[in-house]
């Protein structure tokens, strides 16, 4: 199952607080990186889920959260690309907040 990671952040500007946490340039760079990333979630012979990204965002924590969110959607039975995309859309706000906190912390 391959899902475009861009959907996680497609409506990012609507979730942006009044005082920006990121510069516009940083948001654009992250968005460009996400556009080219696909997520592959599967199961091994023992039934354990695994996740692979076609590339990295440059933020290992973001990569990890993207894999966890996608895997969680698949575990819930969303196996078609459209269903996974919809599932990720509902998790987008929460993921964005976590990522923003992490990036803010990394700047200190």
Protein backbone atom coordinates (compact mmCIF):
# COMPACT_ATOMS: atom_id res chain seq x y z
CA UNK A 1 0.00 0.00 0.00
CA UNK A 2 1.50 3.31 -1.04
CA UNK A 3 0.20 6.62 0.23
CA UNK A 4 1.41 10.09 -0.62
CA UNK A 5 2.62 11.78 2.54
CA UNK A 6 1.64 15.18 1.23
CA UNK A 7 -1.95 14.72 2.41
CA UNK A 8 -0.80 14.96 5.99
CA UNK A 9 0.14 18.56 5.47
CA UNK A 10 -2.05 19.74 2.60
CA UNK A 11 -4.08 22.08 4.82
CA UNK A 12 -1.22 23.08 7.09
CA UNK A 13 -1.80 26.79 6.79
CA UNK A 14 -5.28 26.46 8.29
CA UNK A 15 -3.76 24.89 11.41
CA UNK A 16 -1.00 27.49 11.78
CA UNK A 17 -1.19 29.54 15.00
CA UNK A 18 -1.41 33.35 14.91
CA UNK A 19 2.30 33.56 15.78
CA UNK A 20 4.12 31.39 13.21
CA UNK A 21 6.36 28.67 14.59
CA UNK A 22 8.13 28.03 11.27
CA UNK A 23 9.39 30.38 8.63
CA UNK A 24 7.59 30.24 5.31
CA UNK A 25 10.74 28.80 3.76
CA UNK A 26 10.81 25.88 6.22
CA UNK A 27 7.19 25.01 5.52
CA UNK A 28 7.83 25.04 1.78
CA UNK A 29 10.89 22.80 2.11
CA UNK A 30 9.06 20.26 4.29
CA UNK A 31 6.11 20.29 1.89
CA UNK A 32 8.38 19.72 -1.11
CA UNK A 33 10.07 16.80 0.62
CA UNK A 34 6.73 15.27 1.60
CA UNK A 35 5.37 15.53 -1.94
CA UNK A 36 7.91 12.99 -3.14
CA UNK A 37 7.60 10.49 -0.29
CA UNK A 38 5.53 7.34 -0.42
CA UNK A 39 4.76 5.17 2.59
CA UNK A 40 4.72 1.39 2.28
CA UNK A 41 3.06 -0.56 5.09
CA UNK A 42 2.97 -4.34 5.08
CA UNK A 43 3.13 -7.46 7.24
CA UNK A 44 5.96 -9.92 7.54
CA UNK A 45 5.61 -13.72 7.77
CA UNK A 46 5.07 -13.50 11.55
CA UNK A 47 2.24 -11.02 11.11
CA UNK A 48 4.16 -7.99 12.41
CA UNK A 49 3.58 -4.70 10.62
CA UNK A 50 6.47 -2.84 9.05
CA UNK A 51 6.76 0.55 7.41
CA UNK A 52 9.18 1.92 4.85
CA UNK A 53 9.46 5.41 3.41
CA UNK A 54 10.68 5.97 -0.13
CA UNK A 55 12.78 8.89 1.14
CA UNK A 56 13.29 10.98 4.25
CA UNK A 57 11.84 14.35 5.18
CA UNK A 58 15.13 15.29 6.79
CA UNK A 59 13.46 15.06 10.20
CA UNK A 60 13.80 11.51 11.60
CA UNK A 61 11.07 12.13 14.15
CA UNK A 62 8.67 13.28 11.43
CA UNK A 63 9.52 10.17 9.40
CA UNK A 64 8.79 8.01 12.44
CA UNK A 65 5.46 9.71 13.14
CA UNK A 66 4.43 9.42 9.51
CA UNK A 67 5.11 5.67 9.58
CA UNK A 68 3.30 5.21 12.89
CA UNK A 69 0.24 7.14 11.72
CA UNK A 70 0.04 5.26 8.43
CA UNK A 71 0.53 1.89 10.13
CA UNK A 72 -2.19 2.72 12.64
CA UNK A 73 -4.60 3.51 9.81
CA UNK A 74 -3.80 0.20 8.10
CA UNK A 75 -4.20 -1.72 11.38
CA UNK A 76 -7.71 -0.29 11.65
CA UNK A 77 -8.59 -2.00 8.39
CA UNK A 78 -8.00 0.79 5.91
CA UNK A 79 -6.30 -1.14 3.14
CA UNK A 80 -7.23 0.85 0.05
CA UNK A 81 -5.20 3.99 -0.72
CA UNK A 82 -8.28 6.24 -0.52
CA UNK A 83 -9.23 4.84 2.90
CA UNK A 84 -5.68 5.32 4.23
CA UNK A 85 -5.60 8.89 2.91
CA UNK A 86 -8.91 9.65 4.64
CA UNK A 87 -7.67 8.12 7.88
CA UNK A 88 -4.48 10.20 7.75
CA UNK A 89 -6.53 13.31 7.06
CA UNK A 90 -8.35 12.85 10.37
CA UNK A 91 -5.01 12.53 12.20
CA UNK A 92 -3.35 15.49 10.48
CA UNK A 93 -4.08 18.12 13.13
CA UNK A 94 -2.66 16.03 15.94
CA UNK A 95 0.44 15.12 13.96
CA UNK A 96 1.09 18.72 12.98
CA UNK A 97 0.95 19.86 16.60
CA UNK A 98 3.44 17.18 17.65
CA UNK A 99 5.80 18.04 14.83
CA UNK A 100 5.63 21.77 15.56
CA UNK A 101 6.43 21.14 19.25
CA UNK A 102 9.39 18.98 18.29
CA UNK A 103 10.80 21.53 15.86
CA UNK A 104 10.31 24.32 18.40
CA UNK A 105 12.17 22.26 21.00
CA UNK A 106 15.01 21.49 18.55
CA UNK A 107 15.57 25.22 17.99
CA UNK A 108 16.25 25.94 21.65
